Amino acid sequence: MRPLRVIDDIVARIEKAALSLMLGLIVGVNLMQIGLRMLQSVLRVLESGVVLNIPSWPSDVNRVLVLWIAMVGGSLATRRNEHIKVDVIARALSERARRWLNRVICLVGMIVSAGLVYFSIDFLKMEYELGETLVAVPVPLWAIQLIMPMGFFTISYRFLLLVVDTGDTTTRASGQDR
């Protein structure tokens, strides 16, 4: 079990760094877009006759970053056992029953995520065959969407770790891995 946790820790460090970079990029791109639009408005008000050519690529970049942030964030949330779940029933159960229920939920999550890996690979094959690219940035869509099978694989792997954990699936969520 220890080598699996070491791999998970390395992947988590990479994910955290990538998430920070992507969040910084999305904020920077949006601030640039806002600044250009404000400048264009000021130029219009001043009737300067100067027309700015505002690029169209920021909307493509934002869509890509939102997809990647969602997948990486979902993976990190699963690592800490903070994925979306309804725990109304779990609150009424004993600690032992709660751990058992959590393992069942994680097992189902692992199976669903593994299925999503399969379907996202099928989706990528179709995107590759179509050969489409982003409108403003000449990047193939399949290359951008590689995050889907990678992200679902990582999520499935982390659900597996939660299932086979020694029984205390709450330790990772309590902040001991921060």
N, C-alpha and C. Protein backbone atom coordinates (compact mmCIF):
# COMPACT_ATOMS: atom_id res chain seq x y z
N MET A 1 0.82 -1.20 0.00
CA MET A 1 0.00 0.00 0.00
C MET A 1 0.87 1.26 0.00
N ARG A 2 2.02 1.18 0.63
CA ARG A 2 2.90 2.35 0.73
C ARG A 2 3.34 2.87 -0.64
N PRO A 3 3.76 2.01 -1.59
CA PRO A 3 4.15 2.54 -2.91
C PRO A 3 3.01 3.25 -3.63
N LEU A 4 1.79 2.78 -3.43
CA LEU A 4 0.63 3.44 -4.04
C LEU A 4 0.44 4.84 -3.45
N ARG A 5 0.65 4.98 -2.16
CA ARG A 5 0.52 6.29 -1.51
C ARG A 5 1.64 7.24 -1.96
N VAL A 6 2.84 6.70 -2.17
CA VAL A 6 3.95 7.54 -2.64
C VAL A 6 3.64 8.08 -4.03
N ILE A 7 3.14 7.21 -4.91
CA ILE A 7 2.75 7.65 -6.25
C ILE A 7 1.65 8.71 -6.15
N ASP A 8 0.68 8.47 -5.28
CA ASP A 8 -0.42 9.41 -5.09
C ASP A 8 0.09 10.76 -4.59
N ASP A 9 1.05 10.75 -3.67
CA ASP A 9 1.61 12.01 -3.15
C ASP A 9 2.33 12.79 -4.25
N ILE A 10 3.08 12.10 -5.10
CA ILE A 10 3.79 12.76 -6.20
C ILE A 10 2.79 13.38 -7.18
N VAL A 11 1.77 12.60 -7.54
CA VAL A 11 0.75 13.10 -8.46
C VAL A 11 0.03 14.30 -7.86
N ALA A 12 -0.25 14.25 -6.56
CA ALA A 12 -0.95 15.36 -5.89
C ALA A 12 -0.10 16.64 -5.92
N ARG A 13 1.19 16.51 -5.72
CA ARG A 13 2.06 17.70 -5.78
C ARG A 13 2.02 18.32 -7.17
N ILE A 14 2.09 17.48 -8.19
CA ILE A 14 2.03 17.96 -9.57
C ILE A 14 0.68 18.63 -9.83
N GLU A 15 -0.40 17.99 -9.36
CA GLU A 15 -1.74 18.54 -9.56
C GLU A 15 -1.90 19.89 -8.87
N LYS A 16 -1.40 20.01 -7.65
CA LYS A 16 -1.52 21.28 -6.92
C LYS A 16 -0.77 22.40 -7.64
N ALA A 17 0.42 22.09 -8.13
CA ALA A 17 1.19 23.10 -8.87
C ALA A 17 0.46 23.48 -10.17
N ALA A 18 -0.05 22.48 -10.88
CA ALA A 18 -0.77 22.74 -12.13
C ALA A 18 -2.04 23.54 -11.87
N LEU A 19 -2.74 23.21 -10.79
CA LEU A 19 -3.96 23.93 -10.45
C LEU A 19 -3.66 25.39 -10.13
N SER A 20 -2.60 25.64 -9.40
CA SER A 20 -2.21 27.02 -9.10
C SER A 20 -1.87 27.79 -10.38
N LEU A 21 -1.12 27.15 -11.26
CA LEU A 21 -0.76 27.77 -12.53
C LEU A 21 -2.00 28.07 -13.37
N MET A 22 -2.91 27.10 -13.46
CA MET A 22 -4.11 27.29 -14.27
C MET A 22 -5.02 28.37 -13.70
N LEU A 23 -5.15 28.41 -12.39
CA LEU A 23 -5.96 29.46 -11.77
C LEU A 23 -5.35 30.84 -12.04
N GLY A 24 -4.03 30.92 -11.94
CA GLY A 24 -3.35 32.18 -12.25
C GLY A 24 -3.55 32.58 -13.71
N LEU A 25 -3.47 31.60 -14.60
CA LEU A 25 -3.68 31.88 -16.03
C LEU A 25 -5.09 32.37 -16.32
N ILE A 26 -6.08 31.72 -15.72
CA ILE A 26 -7.46 32.10 -16.01
C ILE A 26 -7.74 33.51 -15.47
N VAL A 27 -7.18 33.83 -14.31
CA VAL A 27 -7.34 35.19 -13.77
C VAL A 27 -6.63 36.19 -14.67
N GLY A 28 -5.41 35.88 -15.09
CA GLY A 28 -4.66 36.78 -15.96
C GLY A 28 -5.33 37.02 -17.30
N VAL A 29 -5.82 35.95 -17.91
CA VAL A 29 -6.50 36.08 -19.21
C VAL A 29 -7.76 36.93 -19.07
N ASN A 30 -8.52 36.69 -18.01
CA ASN A 30 -9.74 37.47 -17.82
C ASN A 30 -9.45 38.93 -17.50
N LEU A 31 -8.43 39.19 -16.69
CA LEU A 31 -8.06 40.58 -16.41
C LEU A 31 -7.59 41.30 -17.68
N MET A 32 -6.85 40.59 -18.53
CA MET A 32 -6.41 41.18 -19.78
C MET A 32 -7.61 41.53 -20.66
N GLN A 33 -8.56 40.60 -20.73
CA GLN A 33 -9.75 40.82 -21.54
C GLN A 33 -10.57 42.01 -21.00
N ILE A 34 -10.72 42.09 -19.70
CA ILE A 34 -11.45 43.21 -19.08
C ILE A 34 -10.73 44.52 -19.35
N GLY A 35 -9.41 44.52 -19.18
CA GLY A 35 -8.63 45.72 -19.42
C GLY A 35 -8.74 46.21 -20.86
N LEU A 36 -8.67 45.29 -21.81
CA LEU A 36 -8.80 45.68 -23.22
C LEU A 36 -10.18 46.24 -23.52
N ARG A 37 -11.20 45.63 -22.96
CA ARG A 37 -12.57 46.14 -23.20
C ARG A 37 -12.77 47.51 -22.55
N MET A 38 -12.20 47.69 -21.38
CA MET A 38 -12.30 49.02 -20.74
C MET A 38 -11.57 50.07 -21.56
N LEU A 39 -10.38 49.72 -22.05
CA LEU A 39 -9.63 50.65 -22.87
C LEU A 39 -10.39 50.99 -24.15
N GLN A 40 -11.02 50.00 -24.73
CA GLN A 40 -11.82 50.23 -25.94
C GLN A 40 -12.98 51.18 -25.63
N SER A 41 -13.62 51.00 -24.49
CA SER A 41 -14.72 51.88 -24.11
C SER A 41 -14.25 53.31 -23.90
N VAL A 42 -13.10 53.45 -23.24
CA VAL A 42 -12.55 54.80 -23.02
C VAL A 42 -12.23 55.46 -24.35
N LEU A 43 -11.63 54.71 -25.26
CA LEU A 43 -11.30 55.27 -26.58
C LEU A 43 -12.57 55.69 -27.34
N ARG A 44 -13.64 54.93 -27.17
CA ARG A 44 -14.91 55.29 -27.82
C ARG A 44 -15.46 56.59 -27.24
N VAL A 45 -15.43 56.68 -25.90
CA VAL A 45 -15.94 57.88 -25.22
C VAL A 45 -15.14 59.11 -25.64
N LEU A 46 -13.84 58.94 -25.77
CA LEU A 46 -12.98 60.06 -26.17
C LEU A 46 -13.05 60.35 -27.67
N GLU A 47 -13.80 59.52 -28.38
CA GLU A 47 -13.96 59.65 -29.82
C GLU A 47 -12.60 59.80 -30.52
N SER A 48 -11.70 58.90 -30.13
CA SER A 48 -10.34 58.98 -30.67
C SER A 48 -10.24 58.41 -32.07
N GLY A 49 -11.19 57.61 -32.46
CA GLY A 49 -11.13 56.99 -33.78
C GLY A 49 -10.27 55.73 -33.80
N VAL A 50 -9.60 55.43 -32.71
CA VAL A 50 -8.79 54.22 -32.61
C VAL A 50 -9.69 53.06 -32.23
N VAL A 51 -9.59 51.98 -32.99
CA VAL A 51 -10.38 50.78 -32.71
C VAL A 51 -9.42 49.66 -32.35
N LEU A 52 -9.61 49.12 -31.17
CA LEU A 52 -8.77 48.01 -30.74
C LEU A 52 -9.28 46.71 -31.34
N ASN A 53 -8.38 45.86 -31.72
CA ASN A 53 -8.73 44.54 -32.21
C ASN A 53 -8.60 43.58 -31.03
N ILE A 54 -9.69 43.33 -30.34
CA ILE A 54 -9.67 42.47 -29.16
C ILE A 54 -9.61 41.02 -29.64
N PRO A 55 -8.61 40.27 -29.16
CA PRO A 55 -8.45 38.89 -29.63
C PRO A 55 -9.60 37.99 -29.20
N SER A 56 -9.85 36.96 -29.98
CA SER A 56 -10.92 36.02 -29.65
C SER A 56 -10.41 34.79 -28.89
N TRP A 57 -9.10 34.61 -28.82
CA TRP A 57 -8.56 33.42 -28.17
C TRP A 57 -8.82 33.33 -26.67
N PRO A 58 -9.01 34.44 -25.94
CA PRO A 58 -9.23 34.27 -24.50
C PRO A 58 -10.45 33.41 -24.14
N SER A 59 -11.50 33.46 -24.92
CA SER A 59 -12.67 32.63 -24.60
C SER A 59 -12.34 31.15 -24.79
N ASP A 60 -11.56 30.82 -25.82
CA ASP A 60 -11.13 29.43 -26.00
C ASP A 60 -10.24 28.98 -24.84
N VAL A 61 -9.31 29.83 -24.47
CA VAL A 61 -8.39 29.50 -23.38
C VAL A 61 -9.17 29.32 -22.08
N ASN A 62 -10.15 30.18 -21.82
CA ASN A 62 -10.96 30.04 -20.61
C ASN A 62 -11.71 28.72 -20.58
N ARG A 63 -12.30 28.33 -21.70
CA ARG A 63 -13.03 27.05 -21.75
C ARG A 63 -12.11 25.87 -21.46
N VAL A 64 -10.91 25.91 -22.05
CA VAL A 64 -9.94 24.84 -21.82
C VAL A 64 -9.52 24.80 -20.36
N LEU A 65 -9.22 25.96 -19.80
CA LEU A 65 -8.78 26.01 -18.41
C LEU A 65 -9.87 25.56 -17.44
N VAL A 66 -11.11 25.91 -17.72
CA VAL A 66 -12.21 25.46 -16.85
C VAL A 66 -12.31 23.93 -16.86
N LEU A 67 -12.19 23.33 -18.04
CA LEU A 67 -12.22 21.86 -18.13
C LEU A 67 -11.08 21.25 -17.32
N TRP A 68 -9.88 21.75 -17.52
CA TRP A 68 -8.72 21.19 -16.82
C TRP A 68 -8.81 21.43 -15.31
N ILE A 69 -9.25 22.61 -14.90
CA ILE A 69 -9.38 22.90 -13.47
C ILE A 69 -10.42 21.98 -12.84
N ALA A 70 -11.52 21.73 -13.54
CA ALA A 70 -12.56 20.84 -13.01
C ALA A 70 -12.02 19.42 -12.81
N MET A 71 -11.27 18.92 -13.79
CA MET A 71 -10.77 17.55 -13.68
C MET A 71 -9.70 17.43 -12.59
N VAL A 72 -8.77 18.37 -12.56
CA VAL A 72 -7.70 18.32 -11.55
C VAL A 72 -8.28 18.56 -10.16
N GLY A 73 -9.20 19.52 -10.05
CA GLY A 73 -9.84 19.79 -8.76
C GLY A 73 -10.65 18.60 -8.27
N GLY A 74 -11.35 17.94 -9.17
CA GLY A 74 -12.12 16.75 -8.80
C GLY A 74 -11.21 15.63 -8.30
N SER A 75 -10.08 15.49 -8.94
CA SER A 75 -9.12 14.48 -8.53
C SER A 75 -8.56 14.78 -7.13
N LEU A 76 -8.21 16.03 -6.90
CA LEU A 76 -7.70 16.40 -5.57
C LEU A 76 -8.77 16.27 -4.49
N ALA A 77 -10.01 16.60 -4.83
CA ALA A 77 -11.11 16.44 -3.85
C ALA A 77 -11.31 14.97 -3.51
N THR A 78 -11.22 14.11 -4.50
CA THR A 78 -11.37 12.68 -4.25
C THR A 78 -10.24 12.18 -3.36
N ARG A 79 -9.05 12.68 -3.58
CA ARG A 79 -7.90 12.28 -2.76
C ARG A 79 -8.16 12.54 -1.28
N ARG A 80 -8.81 13.65 -1.00
CA ARG A 80 -9.07 14.02 0.39
C ARG A 80 -10.44 13.53 0.87
N ASN A 81 -11.09 12.71 0.06
CA ASN A 81 -12.41 12.16 0.38
C ASN A 81 -13.42 13.29 0.59
N GLU A 82 -13.29 14.33 -0.22
CA GLU A 82 -14.20 15.47 -0.15
C GLU A 82 -14.99 15.63 -1.43
N HIS A 83 -15.18 14.52 -2.12
CA HIS A 83 -15.97 14.54 -3.34
C HIS A 83 -17.44 14.78 -2.98
N ILE A 84 -18.24 15.03 -3.98
CA ILE A 84 -19.66 15.30 -3.75
C ILE A 84 -20.33 14.03 -3.23
N LYS A 85 -20.98 14.16 -2.10
CA LYS A 85 -21.70 13.02 -1.53
C LYS A 85 -22.79 13.54 -0.60
N VAL A 86 -23.82 12.76 -0.47
CA VAL A 86 -24.91 13.09 0.43
C VAL A 86 -24.74 12.21 1.66
N ASP A 87 -24.52 12.84 2.79
CA ASP A 87 -24.23 12.04 3.98
C ASP A 87 -25.29 12.14 5.06
N VAL A 88 -26.53 12.40 4.66
CA VAL A 88 -27.62 12.47 5.63
C VAL A 88 -27.79 11.13 6.33
N ILE A 89 -27.77 10.04 5.57
CA ILE A 89 -27.93 8.71 6.15
C ILE A 89 -26.72 8.36 7.00
N ALA A 90 -25.52 8.71 6.52
CA ALA A 90 -24.29 8.35 7.23
C ALA A 90 -24.24 8.96 8.62
N ARG A 91 -24.82 10.12 8.81
CA ARG A 91 -24.79 10.77 10.14
C ARG A 91 -25.55 9.97 11.18
N ALA A 92 -26.54 9.22 10.74
CA ALA A 92 -27.35 8.45 11.68
C ALA A 92 -26.74 7.08 12.00
N LEU A 93 -25.69 6.70 11.29
CA LEU A 93 -25.08 5.38 11.46
C LEU A 93 -23.96 5.40 12.50
N SER A 94 -23.63 4.21 12.98
CA SER A 94 -22.49 4.08 13.88
C SER A 94 -21.21 4.30 13.07
N GLU A 95 -20.11 4.49 13.77
CA GLU A 95 -18.81 4.73 13.09
C GLU A 95 -18.43 3.56 12.19
N ARG A 96 -18.62 2.35 12.68
CA ARG A 96 -18.28 1.16 11.89
C ARG A 96 -19.15 1.07 10.64
N ALA A 97 -20.45 1.30 10.76
CA ALA A 97 -21.36 1.27 9.61
C ALA A 97 -21.05 2.41 8.65
N ARG A 98 -20.65 3.55 9.19
CA ARG A 98 -20.30 4.70 8.36
C ARG A 98 -19.07 4.39 7.50
N ARG A 99 -18.07 3.74 8.10
CA ARG A 99 -16.86 3.36 7.34
C ARG A 99 -17.23 2.37 6.24
N TRP A 100 -18.08 1.41 6.55
CA TRP A 100 -18.52 0.42 5.56
C TRP A 100 -19.26 1.11 4.41
N LEU A 101 -20.19 2.01 4.76
CA LEU A 101 -20.94 2.75 3.74
C LEU A 101 -20.00 3.60 2.88
N ASN A 102 -19.01 4.22 3.52
CA ASN A 102 -18.06 5.04 2.78
C ASN A 102 -17.27 4.19 1.78
N ARG A 103 -16.90 2.98 2.19
CA ARG A 103 -16.19 2.08 1.28
C ARG A 103 -17.07 1.69 0.09
N VAL A 104 -18.34 1.43 0.35
CA VAL A 104 -19.26 1.08 -0.74
C VAL A 104 -19.39 2.25 -1.70
N ILE A 105 -19.55 3.45 -1.15
CA ILE A 105 -19.67 4.65 -1.98
C ILE A 105 -18.41 4.85 -2.81
N CYS A 106 -17.25 4.66 -2.20
CA CYS A 106 -15.99 4.80 -2.94
C CYS A 106 -15.83 3.73 -4.00
N LEU A 107 -16.30 2.52 -3.71
CA LEU A 107 -16.25 1.45 -4.70
C LEU A 107 -17.12 1.79 -5.91
N VAL A 108 -18.31 2.30 -5.65
CA VAL A 108 -19.20 2.72 -6.75
C VAL A 108 -18.55 3.87 -7.52
N GLY A 109 -17.97 4.82 -6.81
CA GLY A 109 -17.27 5.93 -7.46
C GLY A 109 -16.13 5.45 -8.33
N MET A 110 -15.39 4.46 -7.84
CA MET A 110 -14.28 3.90 -8.60
C MET A 110 -14.78 3.24 -9.89
N ILE A 111 -15.86 2.49 -9.79
CA ILE A 111 -16.41 1.79 -10.97
C ILE A 111 -16.93 2.81 -11.98
N VAL A 112 -17.65 3.81 -11.51
CA VAL A 112 -18.18 4.84 -12.41
C VAL A 112 -17.04 5.60 -13.08
N SER A 113 -16.03 5.97 -12.30
CA SER A 113 -14.88 6.69 -12.87
C SER A 113 -14.13 5.84 -13.88
N ALA A 114 -13.97 4.56 -13.59
CA ALA A 114 -13.31 3.66 -14.55
C ALA A 114 -14.12 3.57 -15.84
N GLY A 115 -15.44 3.52 -15.72
CA GLY A 115 -16.29 3.53 -16.91
C GLY A 115 -16.13 4.82 -17.70
N LEU A 116 -16.01 5.94 -17.00
CA LEU A 116 -15.82 7.22 -17.66
C LEU A 116 -14.46 7.30 -18.37
N VAL A 117 -13.46 6.60 -17.83
CA VAL A 117 -12.17 6.51 -18.53
C VAL A 117 -12.39 5.86 -19.89
N TYR A 118 -13.08 4.75 -19.88
CA TYR A 118 -13.35 4.01 -21.13
C TYR A 118 -14.10 4.89 -22.14
N PHE A 119 -15.17 5.53 -21.69
CA PHE A 119 -15.98 6.33 -22.61
C PHE A 119 -15.24 7.59 -23.07
N SER A 120 -14.42 8.17 -22.21
CA SER A 120 -13.68 9.36 -22.63
C SER A 120 -12.59 9.00 -23.64
N ILE A 121 -12.04 7.81 -23.54
CA ILE A 121 -11.08 7.36 -24.56
C ILE A 121 -11.79 7.18 -25.90
N ASP A 122 -12.99 6.61 -25.88
CA ASP A 122 -13.79 6.50 -27.10
C ASP A 122 -14.07 7.88 -27.69
N PHE A 123 -14.42 8.82 -26.83
CA PHE A 123 -14.68 10.19 -27.26
C PHE A 123 -13.44 10.80 -27.90
N LEU A 124 -12.27 10.58 -27.28
CA LEU A 124 -11.02 11.11 -27.82
C LEU A 124 -10.72 10.52 -29.20
N LYS A 125 -11.01 9.25 -29.38
CA LYS A 125 -10.80 8.63 -30.70
C LYS A 125 -11.63 9.34 -31.76
N MET A 126 -12.88 9.63 -31.43
CA MET A 126 -13.75 10.35 -32.38
C MET A 126 -13.20 11.74 -32.66
N GLU A 127 -12.77 12.45 -31.63
CA GLU A 127 -12.22 13.79 -31.81
C GLU A 127 -10.95 13.75 -32.67
N TYR A 128 -10.13 12.73 -32.47
CA TYR A 128 -8.91 12.59 -33.25
C TYR A 128 -9.23 12.37 -34.73
N GLU A 129 -10.22 11.50 -34.98
CA GLU A 129 -10.62 11.22 -36.37
C GLU A 129 -11.21 12.45 -37.05
N LEU A 130 -11.94 13.26 -36.30
CA LEU A 130 -12.52 14.47 -36.87
C LEU A 130 -11.44 15.52 -37.17
N GLY A 131 -10.39 15.54 -36.38
CA GLY A 131 -9.28 16.46 -36.61
C GLY A 131 -9.60 17.92 -36.40
N GLU A 132 -10.60 18.22 -35.59
CA GLU A 132 -10.98 19.62 -35.34
C GLU A 132 -9.98 20.31 -34.42
N THR A 133 -9.88 21.63 -34.59
CA THR A 133 -9.02 22.43 -33.73
C THR A 133 -9.86 23.55 -33.11
N LEU A 134 -9.28 24.21 -32.14
CA LEU A 134 -9.94 25.39 -31.58
C LEU A 134 -10.01 26.46 -32.66
N VAL A 135 -10.98 27.34 -32.53
CA VAL A 135 -11.17 28.38 -33.54
C VAL A 135 -10.00 29.36 -33.56
N ALA A 136 -9.66 29.92 -32.43
CA ALA A 136 -8.66 30.99 -32.38
C ALA A 136 -7.24 30.48 -32.17
N VAL A 137 -7.10 29.29 -31.61
CA VAL A 137 -5.78 28.73 -31.32
C VAL A 137 -5.67 27.39 -32.05
N PRO A 138 -4.67 27.23 -32.91
CA PRO A 138 -4.58 25.99 -33.70
C PRO A 138 -4.08 24.78 -32.90
N VAL A 139 -4.88 24.35 -31.95
CA VAL A 139 -4.56 23.19 -31.13
C VAL A 139 -5.65 22.16 -31.35
N PRO A 140 -5.29 20.91 -31.64
CA PRO A 140 -6.32 19.88 -31.83
C PRO A 140 -7.16 19.69 -30.57
N LEU A 141 -8.46 19.54 -30.75
CA LEU A 141 -9.36 19.36 -29.60
C LEU A 141 -9.02 18.11 -28.80
N TRP A 142 -8.63 17.04 -29.49
CA TRP A 142 -8.34 15.80 -28.77
C TRP A 142 -7.17 15.99 -27.79
N ALA A 143 -6.20 16.82 -28.14
CA ALA A 143 -5.05 17.05 -27.26
C ALA A 143 -5.48 17.77 -25.99
N ILE A 144 -6.40 18.70 -26.14
CA ILE A 144 -6.91 19.44 -24.99
C ILE A 144 -7.75 18.53 -24.10
N GLN A 145 -8.49 17.64 -24.72
CA GLN A 145 -9.42 16.78 -23.98
C GLN A 145 -8.76 15.53 -23.41
N LEU A 146 -7.45 15.41 -23.56
CA LEU A 146 -6.73 14.30 -22.94
C LEU A 146 -6.90 14.29 -21.43
N ILE A 147 -7.20 15.45 -20.85
CA ILE A 147 -7.37 15.54 -19.41
C ILE A 147 -8.53 14.67 -18.93
N MET A 148 -9.51 14.42 -19.80
CA MET A 148 -10.67 13.65 -19.34
C MET A 148 -10.30 12.21 -18.97
N PRO A 149 -9.71 11.41 -19.85
CA PRO A 149 -9.36 10.05 -19.39
C PRO A 149 -8.29 10.07 -18.29
N MET A 150 -7.34 11.01 -18.37
CA MET A 150 -6.32 11.08 -17.33
C MET A 150 -6.95 11.44 -15.98
N GLY A 151 -7.85 12.42 -15.99
CA GLY A 151 -8.50 12.84 -14.75
C GLY A 151 -9.39 11.75 -14.17
N PHE A 152 -10.19 11.11 -15.02
CA PHE A 152 -11.06 10.04 -14.52
C PHE A 152 -10.26 8.84 -14.04
N PHE A 153 -9.12 8.58 -14.70
CA PHE A 153 -8.26 7.49 -14.23
C PHE A 153 -7.72 7.81 -12.84
N THR A 154 -7.25 9.04 -12.65
CA THR A 154 -6.71 9.45 -11.35
C THR A 154 -7.79 9.40 -10.27
N ILE A 155 -8.99 9.85 -10.62
CA ILE A 155 -10.11 9.81 -9.67
C ILE A 155 -10.42 8.36 -9.31
N SER A 156 -10.47 7.49 -10.30
CA SER A 156 -10.74 6.07 -10.05
C SER A 156 -9.65 5.46 -9.15
N TYR A 157 -8.41 5.78 -9.44
CA TYR A 157 -7.28 5.30 -8.64
C TYR A 157 -7.41 5.77 -7.19
N ARG A 158 -7.81 7.00 -7.01
CA ARG A 158 -7.93 7.53 -5.65
C ARG A 158 -9.12 6.92 -4.92
N PHE A 159 -10.19 6.63 -5.64
CA PHE A 159 -11.30 5.90 -5.01
C PHE A 159 -10.83 4.51 -4.59
N LEU A 160 -9.99 3.87 -5.42
CA LEU A 160 -9.44 2.56 -5.06
C LEU A 160 -8.64 2.66 -3.77
N LEU A 161 -7.81 3.69 -3.66
CA LEU A 161 -7.03 3.87 -2.43
C LEU A 161 -7.94 4.06 -1.22
N LEU A 162 -9.04 4.78 -1.40
CA LEU A 162 -9.98 4.96 -0.30
C LEU A 162 -10.69 3.66 0.07
N VAL A 163 -10.95 2.80 -0.93
CA VAL A 163 -11.62 1.52 -0.66
C VAL A 163 -10.71 0.58 0.11
N VAL A 164 -9.45 0.50 -0.31
CA VAL A 164 -8.54 -0.46 0.32
C VAL A 164 -7.81 0.12 1.52
N ASP A 165 -8.10 1.36 1.85
CA ASP A 165 -7.46 1.98 3.00
C ASP A 165 -7.73 1.13 4.24
N THR A 166 -6.97 1.33 5.25
CA THR A 166 -7.05 0.49 6.46
C THR A 166 -8.36 0.63 7.21
N GLY A 167 -9.29 1.37 6.68
CA GLY A 167 -10.58 1.51 7.35
C GLY A 167 -10.84 2.93 7.78
N ASP A 168 -9.79 3.70 7.96
CA ASP A 168 -9.97 5.09 8.37
C ASP A 168 -9.92 5.98 7.14
N THR A 169 -11.05 6.09 6.44
CA THR A 169 -11.11 6.88 5.21
C THR A 169 -11.28 8.36 5.50
N THR A 170 -11.32 8.72 6.78
CA THR A 170 -11.49 10.13 7.11
C THR A 170 -10.16 10.84 7.35
N THR A 171 -9.04 10.09 7.47
CA THR A 171 -7.77 10.73 7.79
C THR A 171 -7.31 11.65 6.66
N ARG A 172 -7.50 11.28 5.43
CA ARG A 172 -7.04 12.10 4.32
C ARG A 172 -7.88 13.37 4.23
N ALA A 173 -9.13 13.29 4.63
CA ALA A 173 -10.00 14.46 4.56
C ALA A 173 -9.76 15.39 5.75
N SER A 174 -9.18 14.88 6.81
CA SER A 174 -9.02 15.71 8.01
C SER A 174 -7.88 16.70 7.92
N GLY A 175 -7.10 16.64 6.83
CA GLY A 175 -6.06 17.63 6.66
C GLY A 175 -4.66 17.08 6.90
N GLN A 176 -4.52 15.79 7.16
CA GLN A 176 -3.20 15.24 7.42
C GLN A 176 -2.33 15.20 6.17
N ASP A 177 -2.91 15.33 4.99
CA ASP A 177 -2.12 15.28 3.75
C ASP A 177 -1.79 16.66 3.21
N ARG A 178 -2.15 17.70 3.90
CA ARG A 178 -1.96 19.06 3.39
C ARG A 178 -0.52 19.50 3.46
